[in-house]
C-alpha atoms as a PDB file:
ATOM      1  CA  MET A   1      39.192 305.777  69.446  1.00  0.00           C
ATOM      2  CA  SER A   2      36.978 302.727  69.080  1.00  0.00           C
ATOM      3  CA  SER A   3      35.669 301.436  72.364  1.00  0.00           C
ATOM      4  CA  PRO A   4      32.496 300.219  74.053  1.00  0.00           C
ATOM      5  CA  GLU A   5      30.952 303.209  75.854  1.00  0.00           C
ATOM      6  CA  THR A   6      28.619 301.172  78.035  1.00  0.00           C
ATOM      7  CA  GLN A   7      29.208 297.672  79.299  1.00  0.00           C
ATOM      8  CA  ALA A   8      26.611 294.919  79.127  1.00  0.00           C
ATOM      9  CA  SER A   9      27.212 291.194  79.079  1.00  0.00           C
ATOM     10  CA  ALA A  10      25.423 289.203  76.404  1.00  0.00           C
ATOM     11  CA  THR A  11      22.279 287.497  77.640  1.00  0.00           C
ATOM     12  CA  THR A  12      20.911 284.225  76.309  1.00  0.00           C
ATOM     13  CA  THR A  13      17.316 283.016  76.445  1.00  0.00           C
ATOM     14  CA  PHE A  14      15.065 280.404  74.883  1.00  0.00           C
ATOM     15  CA  LYS A  15      11.951 282.102  73.486  1.00  0.00           C
ATOM     16  CA  THR A  16      10.518 278.641  72.852  1.00  0.00           C
ATOM     17  CA  ASN A  17      12.525 275.794  74.304  1.00  0.00           C
ATOM     18  CA  VAL A  18      12.867 272.195  73.205  1.00  0.00           C
ATOM     19  CA  PRO A  19      10.606 270.728  75.950  1.00  0.00           C
ATOM     20  CA  ALA A  20       7.800 273.127  74.939  1.00  0.00           C
ATOM     21  CA  VAL A  21       7.995 272.017  71.307  1.00  0.00           C
ATOM     22  CA  ASN A  22       8.111 268.363  72.352  1.00  0.00           C
ATOM     23  CA  GLN A  23       5.032 268.903  74.525  1.00  0.00           C
ATOM     24  CA  VAL A  24       3.042 270.269  71.570  1.00  0.00           C
ATOM     25  CA  ARG A  25       4.264 267.362  69.442  1.00  0.00           C
ATOM     26  CA  ARG A  26       3.079 264.909  72.115  1.00  0.00           C
ATOM     27  CA  ILE A  27      -0.371 266.569  72.248  1.00  0.00           C
ATOM     28  CA  LEU A  28      -0.759 266.289  68.470  1.00  0.00           C
ATOM     29  CA  LEU A  29       0.387 262.665  68.496  1.00  0.00           C
ATOM     30  CA  THR A  30      -2.074 261.893  71.290  1.00  0.00           C
ATOM     31  CA  ALA A  31      -4.814 263.400  69.128  1.00  0.00           C
ATOM     32  CA  GLY A  32      -4.061 260.705  66.554  1.00  0.00           C
ATOM     33  CA  LEU A  33      -1.989 262.577  63.998  1.00  0.00           C
ATOM     34  CA  PRO A  34       0.843 260.550  62.424  1.00  0.00           C
ATOM     35  CA  TYR A  35       4.383 261.618  63.289  1.00  0.00           C
ATOM     36  CA  GLU A  36       5.151 262.847  59.764  1.00  0.00           C
ATOM     37  CA  LEU A  37       2.053 265.051  59.715  1.00  0.00           C
ATOM     38  CA  VAL A  38       2.884 266.459  63.150  1.00  0.00           C
ATOM     39  CA  ASP A  39       6.256 267.643  61.860  1.00  0.00           C
ATOM     40  CA  LEU A  40       4.553 269.240  58.856  1.00  0.00           C
ATOM     41  CA  VAL A  41       2.126 271.072  61.151  1.00  0.00           C
ATOM     42  CA  LEU A  42       4.924 272.351  63.386  1.00  0.00           C
ATOM     43  CA  ASN A  43       6.944 273.468  60.371  1.00  0.00           C
ATOM     44  CA  TYR A  44       3.975 275.219  58.776  1.00  0.00           C
ATOM     45  CA  ALA A  45       3.297 277.046  62.056  1.00  0.00           C
ATOM     46  CA  GLU A  46       7.023 277.827  62.349  1.00  0.00           C
ATOM     47  CA  TYR A  47       6.835 276.501  65.886  1.00  0.00           C
ATOM     48  CA  PHE A  48      10.523 275.923  66.479  1.00  0.00           C
ATOM     49  CA  ALA A  49      12.796 276.057  69.498  1.00  0.00           C
ATOM     50  CA  ARG A  50      14.362 279.533  69.396  1.00  0.00           C
ATOM     51  CA  HIS A  51      17.656 280.266  71.134  1.00  0.00           C
ATOM     52  CA  THR A  52      18.503 283.976  71.423  1.00  0.00           C
ATOM     53  CA  THR A  53      21.675 285.819  72.441  1.00  0.00           C
ATOM     54  CA  LYS A  54      21.443 289.609  72.847  1.00  0.00           C
ATOM     55  CA  ARG A  55      23.856 292.425  73.703  1.00  0.00           C
ATOM     56  CA  VAL A  56      22.961 296.053  74.464  1.00  0.00           C
ATOM     57  CA  THR A  57      26.228 297.998  74.380  1.00  0.00           C
ATOM     58  CA  HIS A  58      26.996 301.233  72.532  1.00  0.00           C
ATOM     59  CA  LEU A  59      30.177 300.561  70.573  1.00  0.00           C
ATOM     60  CA  ARG A  60      31.857 303.149  68.316  1.00  0.00           C
ATOM     61  CA  VAL A  61      34.004 301.445  65.698  1.00  0.00           C
ATOM     62  CA  GLN A  62      36.161 304.162  64.130  1.00  0.00           C
ATOM     63  CA  ALA A  63      38.192 303.254  61.061  1.00  0.00           C
ATOM     64  CA  SER A  64      40.850 305.821  61.990  1.00  0.00           C
ATOM     65  CA  SER A  65      41.595 303.922  65.215  1.00  0.00           C
ATOM     66  CA  ASP A  66      43.247 301.206  63.126  1.00  0.00           C
ATOM     67  CA  PRO A  67      46.720 301.838  61.616  1.00  0.00           C
ATOM     68  CA  LEU A  68      45.349 300.812  58.202  1.00  0.00           C
ATOM     69  CA  ASN A  69      42.014 302.628  58.694  1.00  0.00           C
ATOM     70  CA  ASN A  70      40.311 299.235  58.608  1.00  0.00           C
ATOM     71  CA  ALA A  71      38.740 298.633  62.021  1.00  0.00           C
ATOM     72  CA  LYS A  72      36.982 295.452  63.085  1.00  0.00           C
ATOM     73  CA  TRP A  73      35.483 294.676  66.458  1.00  0.00           C
ATOM     74  CA  MET A  74      33.891 291.401  67.464  1.00  0.00           C
ATOM     75  CA  TYR A  75      30.679 292.764  68.953  1.00  0.00           C
ATOM     76  CA  MET A  76      29.268 289.519  70.300  1.00  0.00           C
ATOM     77  CA  VAL A  77      29.273 285.758  69.996  1.00  0.00           C
ATOM     78  CA  SER A  78      26.366 283.382  70.398  1.00  0.00           C
ATOM     79  CA  ASP A  79      26.172 280.472  72.779  1.00  0.00           C
ATOM     80  CA  PRO A  80      27.170 277.137  71.192  1.00  0.00           C
ATOM     81  CA  ILE A  81      24.702 275.555  68.778  1.00  0.00           C
ATOM     82  CA  ILE A  82      22.826 272.957  70.821  1.00  0.00           C
ATOM     83  CA  GLN A  83      22.390 269.249  70.270  1.00  0.00           C
ATOM     84  CA  VAL A  84      18.711 268.372  70.188  1.00  0.00           C
ATOM     85  CA  GLN A  85      17.529 265.608  72.510  1.00  0.00           C
ATOM     86  CA  ARG A  86      14.136 264.088  71.769  1.00  0.00           C
ATOM     87  CA  GLU A  87      11.749 262.730  74.351  1.00  0.00           C
ATOM     88  CA  ASP A  88      12.925 259.158  73.778  1.00  0.00           C
ATOM     89  CA  GLY A  89      16.407 260.247  74.852  1.00  0.00           C
ATOM     90  CA  SER A  90      17.940 260.113  71.388  1.00  0.00           C
ATOM     91  CA  VAL A  91      20.316 262.914  70.419  1.00  0.00           C
ATOM     92  CA  VAL A  92      19.972 264.121  66.833  1.00  0.00           C
ATOM     93  CA  PRO A  93      22.109 266.560  64.835  1.00  0.00           C
ATOM     94  CA  PRO A  94      20.735 270.113  65.015  1.00  0.00           C
ATOM     95  CA  ASN A  95      18.224 270.798  62.258  1.00  0.00           C
ATOM     96  CA  ILE A  96      18.528 274.568  62.031  1.00  0.00           C
ATOM     97  CA  GLN A  97      15.691 276.308  60.216  1.00  0.00           C
ATOM     98  CA  ASP A  98      17.054 279.821  60.217  1.00  0.00           C
ATOM     99  CA  VAL A  99      19.396 282.316  61.850  1.00  0.00           C
ATOM    100  CA  LYS A 100      18.094 285.821  62.488  1.00  0.00           C
ATOM    101  CA  PHE A 101      20.201 288.918  63.179  1.00  0.00           C
ATOM    102  CA  ARG A 102      18.592 292.041  64.660  1.00  0.00           C
ATOM    103  CA  LEU A 103      20.812 295.136  64.642  1.00  0.00           C
ATOM    104  CA  ARG A 104      20.428 298.759  65.798  1.00  0.00           C
ATOM    105  CA  SER A 105      23.137 300.979  64.370  1.00  0.00           C
ATOM    106  CA  SER A 106      24.140 303.996  62.299  1.00  0.00           C
ATOM    107  CA  ASP A 107      27.254 305.445  60.731  1.00  0.00           C
ATOM    108  CA  GLN A 108      28.879 308.833  61.507  1.00  0.00           C
ATOM    109  CA  GLY A 109      26.115 310.790  59.757  1.00  0.00           C
ATOM    110  CA  TRP A 110      28.189 312.762  57.285  1.00  0.00           C
ATOM    111  CA  GLY A 111      30.541 312.337  54.317  1.00  0.00           C
ATOM    112  CA  GLY A 112      30.207 309.758  51.587  1.00  0.00           C
ATOM    113  CA  PHE A 113      28.646 310.490  48.222  1.00  0.00           C
ATOM    114  CA  SER A 114      25.758 312.961  47.957  1.00  0.00           C
ATOM    115  CA  GLU A 115      23.882 310.758  45.488  1.00  0.00           C
ATOM    116  CA  GLY A 116      24.101 307.817  47.885  1.00  0.00           C
ATOM    117  CA  LYS A 117      23.048 309.544  51.109  1.00  0.00           C
ATOM    118  CA  ASN A 118      20.593 307.435  53.123  1.00  0.00           C
ATOM    119  CA  THR A 119      21.108 304.482  50.775  1.00  0.00           C
ATOM    120  CA  TYR A 120      23.271 301.390  51.240  1.00  0.00           C
ATOM    121  CA  ARG A 121      25.481 301.896  48.206  1.00  0.00           C
ATOM    122  CA  ASN A 122      29.098 302.925  48.839  1.00  0.00           C
ATOM    123  CA  SER A 123      28.656 302.522  52.588  1.00  0.00           C
ATOM    124  CA  TYR A 124      31.884 301.753  54.409  1.00  0.00           C
ATOM    125  CA  THR A 125      30.432 300.633  57.726  1.00  0.00           C
ATOM    126  CA  TRP A 126      28.834 297.213  57.966  1.00  0.00           C
ATOM    127  CA  PHE A 127      28.450 293.942  59.874  1.00  0.00           C
ATOM    128  CA  GLU A 128      29.855 290.496  59.165  1.00  0.00           C
ATOM    129  CA  ALA A 129      29.307 287.028  60.608  1.00  0.00           C
ATOM    130  CA  SER A 130      31.503 283.969  60.821  1.00  0.00           C
ATOM    131  CA  ILE A 131      31.249 280.518  62.363  1.00  0.00           C
ATOM    132  CA  LEU A 132      33.653 279.724  65.196  1.00  0.00           C
ATOM    133  CA  ARG A 133      34.309 275.999  65.495  1.00  0.00           C
ATOM    134  CA  GLU A 134      36.153 274.514  68.443  1.00  0.00           C
ATOM    135  CA  SER A 135      39.346 272.711  67.408  1.00  0.00           C
ATOM    136  CA  THR A 136      40.329 271.693  70.938  1.00  0.00           C
ATOM    137  CA  PRO A 137      37.377 270.255  72.930  1.00  0.00           C
ATOM    138  CA  GLY A 138      36.705 272.098  76.171  1.00  0.00           C
ATOM    139  CA  SER A 139      38.989 275.018  75.331  1.00  0.00           C
ATOM    140  CA  SER A 140      38.342 278.389  76.972  1.00  0.00           C
ATOM    141  CA  PRO A 141      40.746 280.965  75.515  1.00  0.00           C
ATOM    142  CA  THR A 142      41.139 284.415  77.057  1.00  0.00           C
ATOM    143  CA  TRP A 143      39.586 286.209  74.077  1.00  0.00           C
ATOM    144  CA  LEU A 144      36.369 284.208  74.450  1.00  0.00           C
ATOM    145  CA  SER A 145      36.057 284.970  78.163  1.00  0.00           C
ATOM    146  CA  SER A 146      36.546 288.675  77.410  1.00  0.00           C
ATOM    147  CA  LEU A 147      34.045 288.622  74.548  1.00  0.00           C
ATOM    148  CA  LEU A 148      31.325 287.116  76.719  1.00  0.00           C
ATOM    149  CA  ASP A 149      31.605 290.239  78.915  1.00  0.00           C
ATOM    150  CA  SER A 150      31.988 292.987  76.291  1.00  0.00           C
ATOM    151  CA  PRO A 151      32.986 293.627  72.648  1.00  0.00           C
ATOM    152  CA  VAL A 152      36.672 293.146  71.818  1.00  0.00           C
ATOM    153  CA  ASN A 153      38.935 294.686  69.205  1.00  0.00           C
ATOM    154  CA  TYR A 154      39.528 291.957  66.616  1.00  0.00           C
ATOM    155  CA  THR A 155      43.300 292.282  66.484  1.00  0.00           C
ATOM    156  CA  PHE A 156      43.914 289.203  68.637  1.00  0.00           C
ATOM    157  CA  ASP A 157      44.734 285.599  67.863  1.00  0.00           C
ATOM    158  CA  LEU A 158      41.884 283.128  68.251  1.00  0.00           C
ATOM    159  CA  GLY A 159      44.378 280.495  69.350  1.00  0.00           C
ATOM    160  CA  ALA A 160      45.882 279.690  72.702  1.00  0.00           C
ATOM    161  CA  PRO A 161      46.303 282.505  75.267  1.00  0.00           C
ATOM    162  CA  GLY A 162      49.611 284.300  74.803  1.00  0.00           C
ATOM    163  CA  SER A 163      50.292 282.832  71.383  1.00  0.00           C
ATOM    164  CA  SER A 164      51.244 284.988  68.421  1.00  0.00           C
ATOM    165  CA  PRO A 165      48.918 285.219  65.396  1.00  0.00           C
ATOM    166  CA  SER A 166      49.240 282.038  63.391  1.00  0.00           C
ATOM    167  CA  ALA A 167      46.335 281.973  60.956  1.00  0.00           C
ATOM    168  CA  VAL A 168      46.738 279.659  57.983  1.00  0.00           C
ATOM    169  CA  SER A 169      44.248 279.518  55.119  1.00  0.00           C
ATOM    170  CA  SER A 170      43.139 276.044  54.116  1.00  0.00           C
ATOM    171  CA  SER A 171      40.122 274.167  52.808  1.00  0.00           C
ATOM    172  CA  SER A 172      37.414 272.849  55.064  1.00  0.00           C
ATOM    173  CA  SER A 173      36.950 269.094  55.130  1.00  0.00           C
ATOM    174  CA  ASP A 174      33.174 269.292  55.542  1.00  0.00           C
ATOM    175  CA  SER A 175      30.655 268.845  52.767  1.00  0.00           C
ATOM    176  CA  THR A 176      30.102 272.572  52.266  1.00  0.00           C
ATOM    177  CA  SER A 177      33.771 273.083  51.265  1.00  0.00           C
ATOM    178  CA  LEU A 178      33.882 276.444  53.008  1.00  0.00           C
ATOM    179  CA  PRO A 179      37.121 278.384  53.377  1.00  0.00           C
ATOM    180  CA  VAL A 180      38.412 278.100  56.923  1.00  0.00           C
ATOM    181  CA  THR A 181      41.095 279.871  58.908  1.00  0.00           C
ATOM    182  CA  GLU A 182      42.718 277.485  61.369  1.00  0.00           C
ATOM    183  CA  TYR A 183      43.917 278.418  64.850  1.00  0.00           C
ATOM    184  CA  ALA A 184      45.249 276.489  67.824  1.00  0.00           C
ATOM    185  CA  GLU A 185      41.896 276.220  69.611  1.00  0.00           C
ATOM    186  CA  TYR A 186      39.252 277.520  67.199  1.00  0.00           C
ATOM    187  CA  SER A 187      38.628 277.555  63.466  1.00  0.00           C
ATOM    188  CA  GLU A 188      36.802 280.438  61.810  1.00  0.00           C
ATOM    189  CA  LEU A 189      34.636 279.247  58.919  1.00  0.00           C
ATOM    190  CA  LEU A 190      34.229 281.859  56.212  1.00  0.00           C
ATOM    191  CA  SER A 191      31.863 282.530  53.331  1.00  0.00           C
ATOM    192  CA  PRO A 192      32.224 280.616  50.034  1.00  0.00           C
ATOM    193  CA  TYR A 193      31.011 283.674  48.097  1.00  0.00           C
ATOM    194  CA  LYS A 194      33.087 283.851  44.901  1.00  0.00           C
ATOM    195  CA  LEU A 195      35.743 281.753  46.702  1.00  0.00           C
ATOM    196  CA  ARG A 196      37.009 284.756  48.663  1.00  0.00           C
ATOM    197  CA  THR A 197      38.386 284.258  52.152  1.00  0.00           C
ATOM    198  CA  LYS A 198      36.126 286.624  54.052  1.00  0.00           C
ATOM    199  CA  ARG A 199      33.234 286.569  56.489  1.00  0.00           C
ATOM    200  CA  TRP A 200      29.576 286.569  55.518  1.00  0.00           C
ATOM    201  CA  LEU A 201      28.218 290.084  54.998  1.00  0.00           C
ATOM    202  CA  VAL A 202      25.200 290.564  57.282  1.00  0.00           C
ATOM    203  CA  GLN A 203      24.139 294.202  56.907  1.00  0.00           C
ATOM    204  CA  MET A 204      25.377 297.549  55.595  1.00  0.00           C
ATOM    205  CA  ASN A 205      24.605 300.807  57.397  1.00  0.00           C
ATOM    206  CA  ALA A 206      22.749 303.500  55.473  1.00  0.00           C
ATOM    207  CA  GLN A 207      25.347 305.930  54.151  1.00  0.00           C
ATOM    208  CA  ALA A 208      25.889 309.287  55.920  1.00  0.00           C
ATOM    209  CA  SER A 209      22.833 308.993  58.167  1.00  0.00           C
ATOM    210  CA  ARG A 210      22.772 309.640  61.923  1.00  0.00           C
ATOM    211  CA  HIS A 211      19.336 308.051  62.142  1.00  0.00           C
ATOM    212  CA  ILE A 212      19.559 304.850  64.184  1.00  0.00           C
ATOM    213  CA  ARG A 213      18.006 302.096  62.115  1.00  0.00           C
ATOM    214  CA  THR A 214      16.864 298.638  63.126  1.00  0.00           C
ATOM    215  CA  HIS A 215      17.641 295.930  60.587  1.00  0.00           C
ATOM    216  CA  THR A 216      16.459 292.327  60.734  1.00  0.00           C
ATOM    217  CA  VAL A 217      18.289 289.831  58.535  1.00  0.00           C
ATOM    218  CA  THR A 218      17.078 286.227  58.290  1.00  0.00           C
ATOM    219  CA  TRP A 219      19.072 283.436  56.674  1.00  0.00           C
ATOM    220  CA  SER A 220      17.450 280.037  56.158  1.00  0.00           C
ATOM    221  CA  ARG A 221      18.049 276.835  54.243  1.00  0.00           C
ATOM    222  CA  SER A 222      15.437 277.861  51.687  1.00  0.00           C
ATOM    223  CA  THR A 223      16.999 281.261  50.971  1.00  0.00           C
ATOM    224  CA  SER A 224      20.738 280.811  51.442  1.00  0.00           C
ATOM    225  CA  PHE A 225      21.143 278.784  48.232  1.00  0.00           C
ATOM    226  CA  ASN A 226      19.334 279.336  44.971  1.00  0.00           C
ATOM    227  CA  THR A 227      18.503 276.772  42.338  1.00  0.00           C
ATOM    228  CA  SER A 228      20.826 278.067  39.619  1.00  0.00           C
ATOM    229  CA  GLY A 229      23.795 276.012  38.555  1.00  0.00           C
ATOM    230  CA  ASP A 230      26.309 278.252  40.315  1.00  0.00           C
ATOM    231  CA  GLY A 231      24.549 277.970  43.693  1.00  0.00           C
ATOM    232  CA  GLY A 232      24.245 281.746  43.907  1.00  0.00           C
ATOM    233  CA  LEU A 233      27.967 282.467  43.717  1.00  0.00           C
ATOM    234  CA  ASN A 234      27.437 284.988  40.918  1.00  0.00           C
ATOM    235  CA  GLU A 235      24.637 286.889  42.639  1.00  0.00           C
ATOM    236  CA  GLU A 236      25.346 290.180  44.375  1.00  0.00           C
ATOM    237  CA  GLU A 237      26.637 289.647  47.897  1.00  0.00           C
ATOM    238  CA  TYR A 238      23.908 291.858  49.349  1.00  0.00           C
ATOM    239  CA  ASP A 239      20.633 293.491  48.358  1.00  0.00           C
ATOM    240  CA  GLU A 240      21.284 297.155  47.529  1.00  0.00           C
ATOM    241  CA  LYS A 241      17.701 298.086  48.438  1.00  0.00           C
ATOM    242  CA  THR A 242      17.911 296.728  51.983  1.00  0.00           C
ATOM    243  CA  GLY A 243      21.663 296.501  52.576  1.00  0.00           C
ATOM    244  CA  SER A 244      21.203 292.914  53.786  1.00  0.00           C
ATOM    245  CA  GLY A 245      23.561 290.045  52.990  1.00  0.00           C
ATOM    246  CA  ARG A 246      22.273 286.836  51.421  1.00  0.00           C
ATOM    247  CA  GLY A 247      23.914 284.312  53.758  1.00  0.00           C
ATOM    248  CA  LEU A 248      25.076 281.888  51.081  1.00  0.00           C
ATOM    249  CA  GLY A 249      25.710 278.505  52.762  1.00  0.00           C
ATOM    250  CA  PHE A 250      25.669 279.853  56.324  1.00  0.00           C
ATOM    251  CA  VAL A 251      22.847 277.792  57.847  1.00  0.00           C
ATOM    252  CA  GLU A 252      23.977 274.601  56.110  1.00  0.00           C
ATOM    253  CA  ALA A 253      27.469 274.949  57.583  1.00  0.00           C
ATOM    254  CA  LEU A 254      26.426 275.131  61.249  1.00  0.00           C
ATOM    255  CA  ARG A 255      27.098 272.150  63.521  1.00  0.00           C
ATOM    256  CA  ALA A 256      26.484 271.376  67.176  1.00  0.00           C
ATOM    257  CA  GLY A 257      28.995 273.263  69.319  1.00  0.00           C
ATOM    258  CA  ASP A 258      29.615 276.071  66.802  1.00  0.00           C
ATOM    259  CA  ARG A 259      29.342 279.703  67.856  1.00  0.00           C
ATOM    260  CA  ILE A 260      28.204 282.563  65.622  1.00  0.00           C
ATOM    261  CA  ALA A 261      30.396 285.668  65.752  1.00  0.00           C
ATOM    262  CA  LEU A 262      29.106 289.137  64.819  1.00  0.00           C
ATOM    263  CA  VAL A 263      31.822 291.557  63.696  1.00  0.00           C
ATOM    264  CA  ALA A 264      31.320 295.335  63.285  1.00  0.00           C
ATOM    265  CA  ARG A 265      33.430 296.994  60.579  1.00  0.00           C
ATOM    266  CA  ALA A 266      34.491 300.495  59.490  1.00  0.00           C
ATOM    267  CA  LEU A 267      36.788 301.261  56.549  1.00  0.00           C
ATOM    268  CA  TYR A 268      38.589 304.481  55.480  1.00  0.00           C
ATOM    269  CA  PRO A 269      39.272 307.661  57.503  1.00  0.00           C
ATOM    270  CA  GLY A 270      36.200 309.356  58.966  1.00  0.00           C
ATOM    271  CA  TRP A 271      33.908 306.344  58.765  1.00  0.00           C
ATOM    272  CA  GLU A 272      32.386 305.190  62.042  1.00  0.00           C
ATOM    273  CA  ASN A 273      30.061 302.303  62.869  1.00  0.00           C
ATOM    274  CA  ASN A 274      27.878 303.080  65.888  1.00  0.00           C
ATOM    275  CA  VAL A 275      26.404 299.869  67.266  1.00  0.00           C
ATOM    276  CA  TYR A 276      23.718 300.145  69.937  1.00  0.00           C
ATOM    277  CA  GLU A 277      22.476 296.600  70.271  1.00  0.00           C
ATOM    278  CA  ALA A 278      22.392 293.291  68.450  1.00  0.00           C
ATOM    279  CA  GLU A 279      20.650 289.958  68.741  1.00  0.00           C
ATOM    280  CA  ILE A 280      21.313 286.550  67.210  1.00  0.00           C
ATOM    281  CA  GLU A 281      18.409 284.091  67.136  1.00  0.00           C
ATOM    282  CA  VAL A 282      18.753 280.459  66.057  1.00  0.00           C
ATOM    283  CA  ALA A 283      15.600 278.458  65.259  1.00  0.00           C
ATOM    284  CA  TYR A 284      15.790 274.656  65.632  1.00  0.00           C
ATOM    285  CA  GLN A 285      13.436 271.979  64.397  1.00  0.00           C
ATOM    286  CA  THR A 286      13.305 269.309  67.105  1.00  0.00           C
END
């Protein structure tokens, strides 16, 4: 049965906070550098405000625990994307440079295809991400309160407490034209990859390997879209060499107040996703 074996609430920290970045900017401005050059220096040094949410909980996601052998657990959710306030008091839309996922996990360690052992091909345990956008300002549904304490089985409704599932597929009204699933209190933005209504693929587990691997997946504005005419929609969804998803349109879609959800998946009898810890880091340009 899928369940978290150890409990640990998600913790959130700023590795580099907004005031620290503003202080460095002020020092450079005082030294006589023009504002535009200061921003270039900070960008080149990748000196951004970094907001991190981390969870250390061993979760076993067993496909056979689901009636359709298709298990999904929401492992963690980030804190809301912040609004950036500059030293002059002005509030600017978040300029997100990248989102980084760090994962420690493995599958059940047996089964699969012999020719694919220890590779990412034909792996049926993986991680997904979606963007949770508040539909009702100030809402605090029961599922969110539970998720902040521990992983939850993703069989619930994201809407109002006690309501029955009422998901309706529709088109997003924002400029990215992402698919979105609408609920009473939250909307779940999904990947535009080949116009399928599904979450962004973050990382596959190596097939039939008990070895706990650490994967780091970084999505940025410069890598999430390519320059081809199709915007990357005809590329493979993930890199078979690394098992990492490409994050098409993810960073561009984020707004202030959004939360990033990390979902652990396992498909087909016998497959099991063992999650040991995960971290979501958001880098902001201030």
